[in-house]
Amino acid sequence: MSTSTAGQALIPQPPATVTALRQAVAQIAPAALPSFTRELDEAADQSRQGSDLAPLQRFITQWAAYVHIQRQPHLAAELRRWEDTAATGDVAQVRRAAAEIGRILDAAHTALTAPRP
């Protein structure tokens, strides 16, 4: 994985295409490639069965947000901390973790849909 200076992204946000996202995942989170491939296959199968592109669009949206987060080490670490808390905390901690995870994911989706200057 590439290193970054404090607060800087490891790589630029790639275009929201399967090929670009696969390359980004391979570069910044290679351990996630099997999940990427499995989920892509599932989305493609669902799209073929239903003659609907929505499953593939959801896949691309989900993985674009994943890359957006993982390319920023501080944000990825924060998400992992909240995920750990959600898995091991008491009820109040789990609620707080769920809210924080939602905030991080919402911010990623907003960043990806915001017009670029």
C-alpha atoms as a PDB file:
ATOM      1  CA  MET A   1       0.000   0.000   0.000  1.00  0.00           C
ATOM      2  CA  SER A   2       1.188   3.520  -0.695  1.00  0.00           C
ATOM      3  CA  THR A   3       1.944   5.843   2.145  1.00  0.00           C
ATOM      4  CA  SER A   4       0.667   9.369   2.485  1.00  0.00           C
ATOM      5  CA  THR A   5       1.606  12.459   4.327  1.00  0.00           C
ATOM      6  CA  ALA A   6      -0.676  13.357   7.203  1.00  0.00           C
ATOM      7  CA  GLY A   7      -4.225  13.942   6.063  1.00  0.00           C
ATOM      8  CA  GLN A   8      -3.619  13.334   2.371  1.00  0.00           C
ATOM      9  CA  ALA A   9      -5.320  10.660   0.310  1.00  0.00           C
ATOM     10  CA  LEU A  10      -3.224   7.719  -0.834  1.00  0.00           C
ATOM     11  CA  ILE A  11      -4.611   7.979  -4.372  1.00  0.00           C
ATOM     12  CA  PRO A  12      -7.038  10.255  -6.186  1.00  0.00           C
ATOM     13  CA  GLN A  13     -10.658   9.130  -6.202  1.00  0.00           C
ATOM     14  CA  PRO A  14     -11.013   6.970  -9.311  1.00  0.00           C
ATOM     15  CA  PRO A  15     -13.897   7.180 -11.744  1.00  0.00           C
ATOM     16  CA  ALA A  16     -16.924   5.124 -10.735  1.00  0.00           C
ATOM     17  CA  THR A  17     -16.257   2.258 -13.129  1.00  0.00           C
ATOM     18  CA  VAL A  18     -15.662  -1.391 -12.323  1.00  0.00           C
ATOM     19  CA  THR A  19     -12.188  -1.344 -13.847  1.00  0.00           C
ATOM     20  CA  ALA A  20     -11.037   1.827 -12.079  1.00  0.00           C
ATOM     21  CA  LEU A  21     -12.471   0.718  -8.739  1.00  0.00           C
ATOM     22  CA  ARG A  22     -10.862  -2.734  -9.050  1.00  0.00           C
ATOM     23  CA  GLN A  23      -7.482  -1.088  -9.708  1.00  0.00           C
ATOM     24  CA  ALA A  24      -7.943   1.232  -6.727  1.00  0.00           C
ATOM     25  CA  VAL A  25      -8.916  -1.623  -4.405  1.00  0.00           C
ATOM     26  CA  ALA A  26      -5.899  -3.629  -5.596  1.00  0.00           C
ATOM     27  CA  GLN A  27      -3.659  -0.680  -4.769  1.00  0.00           C
ATOM     28  CA  ILE A  28      -5.032   0.494  -1.414  1.00  0.00           C
ATOM     29  CA  ALA A  29      -6.818  -2.556   0.039  1.00  0.00           C
ATOM     30  CA  PRO A  30      -5.697  -5.720  -1.768  1.00  0.00           C
ATOM     31  CA  ALA A  31      -7.189  -7.946   0.934  1.00  0.00           C
ATOM     32  CA  ALA A  32     -10.636  -6.705  -0.163  1.00  0.00           C
ATOM     33  CA  LEU A  33     -10.238  -7.920  -3.769  1.00  0.00           C
ATOM     34  CA  PRO A  34     -11.925 -11.305  -3.157  1.00  0.00           C
ATOM     35  CA  SER A  35     -14.978  -9.511  -1.701  1.00  0.00           C
ATOM     36  CA  PHE A  36     -14.971  -7.060  -4.602  1.00  0.00           C
ATOM     37  CA  THR A  37     -14.934  -9.905  -7.131  1.00  0.00           C
ATOM     38  CA  ARG A  38     -17.565 -11.966  -5.304  1.00  0.00           C
ATOM     39  CA  GLU A  39     -19.917  -8.981  -4.944  1.00  0.00           C
ATOM     40  CA  LEU A  40     -19.374  -7.979  -8.586  1.00  0.00           C
ATOM     41  CA  ASP A  41     -20.291 -11.487  -9.710  1.00  0.00           C
ATOM     42  CA  GLU A  42     -23.424 -11.427  -7.526  1.00  0.00           C
ATOM     43  CA  ALA A  43     -24.457  -7.998  -8.836  1.00  0.00           C
ATOM     44  CA  ALA A  44     -23.888  -9.080 -12.438  1.00  0.00           C
ATOM     45  CA  ASP A  45     -25.948 -12.244 -11.902  1.00  0.00           C
ATOM     46  CA  GLN A  46     -28.788 -10.261 -10.294  1.00  0.00           C
ATOM     47  CA  SER A  47     -28.706  -7.750 -13.142  1.00  0.00           C
ATOM     48  CA  ARG A  48     -28.885 -10.505 -15.759  1.00  0.00           C
ATOM     49  CA  GLN A  49     -31.689 -12.356 -13.969  1.00  0.00           C
ATOM     50  CA  GLY A  50     -33.799  -9.244 -13.516  1.00  0.00           C
ATOM     51  CA  SER A  51     -32.795  -7.468 -16.734  1.00  0.00           C
ATOM     52  CA  ASP A  52     -32.069  -4.485 -14.489  1.00  0.00           C
ATOM     53  CA  LEU A  53     -28.878  -2.485 -14.021  1.00  0.00           C
ATOM     54  CA  ALA A  54     -29.767  -1.446 -10.451  1.00  0.00           C
ATOM     55  CA  PRO A  55     -27.693  -4.198  -8.760  1.00  0.00           C
ATOM     56  CA  LEU A  56     -24.600  -3.164 -10.728  1.00  0.00           C
ATOM     57  CA  GLN A  57     -25.248   0.501  -9.986  1.00  0.00           C
ATOM     58  CA  ARG A  58     -25.533  -0.286  -6.255  1.00  0.00           C
ATOM     59  CA  PHE A  59     -22.297  -2.283  -6.444  1.00  0.00           C
ATOM     60  CA  ILE A  60     -20.439   0.622  -8.055  1.00  0.00           C
ATOM     61  CA  THR A  61     -21.866   3.121  -5.575  1.00  0.00           C
ATOM     62  CA  GLN A  62     -20.934   0.923  -2.603  1.00  0.00           C
ATOM     63  CA  TRP A  63     -17.386   0.290  -3.786  1.00  0.00           C
ATOM     64  CA  ALA A  64     -16.808   3.913  -4.797  1.00  0.00           C
ATOM     65  CA  ALA A  65     -17.667   4.873  -1.206  1.00  0.00           C
ATOM     66  CA  TYR A  66     -15.393   2.109   0.118  1.00  0.00           C
ATOM     67  CA  VAL A  67     -12.497   3.414  -1.985  1.00  0.00           C
ATOM     68  CA  HIS A  68     -13.273   6.993  -0.945  1.00  0.00           C
ATOM     69  CA  ILE A  69     -12.885   5.982   2.691  1.00  0.00           C
ATOM     70  CA  GLN A  70      -9.966   3.550   2.344  1.00  0.00           C
ATOM     71  CA  ARG A  71      -7.834   5.971   0.340  1.00  0.00           C
ATOM     72  CA  GLN A  72      -7.818   8.258   3.400  1.00  0.00           C
ATOM     73  CA  PRO A  73      -5.915   6.386   6.149  1.00  0.00           C
ATOM     74  CA  HIS A  74      -7.247   8.531   9.004  1.00  0.00           C
ATOM     75  CA  LEU A  75     -10.839   8.016   7.874  1.00  0.00           C
ATOM     76  CA  ALA A  76     -10.352   4.287   7.286  1.00  0.00           C
ATOM     77  CA  ALA A  77      -8.862   3.937  10.779  1.00  0.00           C
ATOM     78  CA  GLU A  78     -11.780   5.845  12.310  1.00  0.00           C
ATOM     79  CA  LEU A  79     -14.266   3.592  10.522  1.00  0.00           C
ATOM     80  CA  ARG A  80     -12.432   0.466  11.749  1.00  0.00           C
ATOM     81  CA  ARG A  81     -12.492   1.769  15.342  1.00  0.00           C
ATOM     82  CA  TRP A  82     -16.257   2.348  15.149  1.00  0.00           C
ATOM     83  CA  GLU A  83     -16.792  -1.063  13.542  1.00  0.00           C
ATOM     84  CA  ASP A  84     -14.808  -2.681  16.372  1.00  0.00           C
ATOM     85  CA  THR A  85     -16.892  -0.779  18.926  1.00  0.00           C
ATOM     86  CA  ALA A  86     -20.092  -1.893  17.206  1.00  0.00           C
ATOM     87  CA  ALA A  87     -18.924  -5.510  17.435  1.00  0.00           C
ATOM     88  CA  THR A  88     -17.775  -5.442  21.060  1.00  0.00           C
ATOM     89  CA  GLY A  89     -19.419  -2.546  22.873  1.00  0.00           C
ATOM     90  CA  ASP A  90     -22.369  -2.310  25.184  1.00  0.00           C
ATOM     91  CA  VAL A  91     -25.755  -1.149  23.923  1.00  0.00           C
ATOM     92  CA  ALA A  92     -24.973   2.567  24.239  1.00  0.00           C
ATOM     93  CA  GLN A  93     -21.591   2.157  22.548  1.00  0.00           C
ATOM     94  CA  VAL A  94     -23.124   0.134  19.734  1.00  0.00           C
ATOM     95  CA  ARG A  95     -25.743   2.838  19.108  1.00  0.00           C
ATOM     96  CA  ARG A  96     -23.067   5.529  19.042  1.00  0.00           C
ATOM     97  CA  ALA A  97     -20.893   3.398  16.752  1.00  0.00           C
ATOM     98  CA  ALA A  98     -23.795   2.818  14.364  1.00  0.00           C
ATOM     99  CA  ALA A  99     -24.457   6.549  14.211  1.00  0.00           C
ATOM    100  CA  GLU A 100     -20.786   7.318  13.556  1.00  0.00           C
ATOM    101  CA  ILE A 101     -20.493   4.618  10.901  1.00  0.00           C
ATOM    102  CA  GLY A 102     -23.577   6.063   9.237  1.00  0.00           C
ATOM    103  CA  ARG A 103     -22.066   9.552   9.387  1.00  0.00           C
ATOM    104  CA  ILE A 104     -18.851   8.359   7.711  1.00  0.00           C
ATOM    105  CA  LEU A 105     -20.748   6.499   4.984  1.00  0.00           C
ATOM    106  CA  ASP A 106     -23.126   9.414   4.396  1.00  0.00           C
ATOM    107  CA  ALA A 107     -20.189  11.817   4.097  1.00  0.00           C
ATOM    108  CA  ALA A 108     -18.502   9.503   1.579  1.00  0.00           C
ATOM    109  CA  HIS A 109     -21.641   9.260  -0.544  1.00  0.00           C
ATOM    110  CA  THR A 110     -22.141  13.024  -0.369  1.00  0.00           C
ATOM    111  CA  ALA A 111     -18.537  13.656  -1.420  1.00  0.00           C
ATOM    112  CA  LEU A 112     -18.982  11.340  -4.382  1.00  0.00           C
ATOM    113  CA  THR A 113     -22.160  12.988  -5.594  1.00  0.00           C
ATOM    114  CA  ALA A 114     -21.115  16.608  -4.993  1.00  0.00           C
ATOM    115  CA  PRO A 115     -20.265  18.596  -8.106  1.00  0.00           C
ATOM    116  CA  ARG A 116     -16.528  18.881  -8.619  1.00  0.00           C
ATOM    117  CA  PRO A 117     -14.978  22.322  -8.995  1.00  0.00           C
END
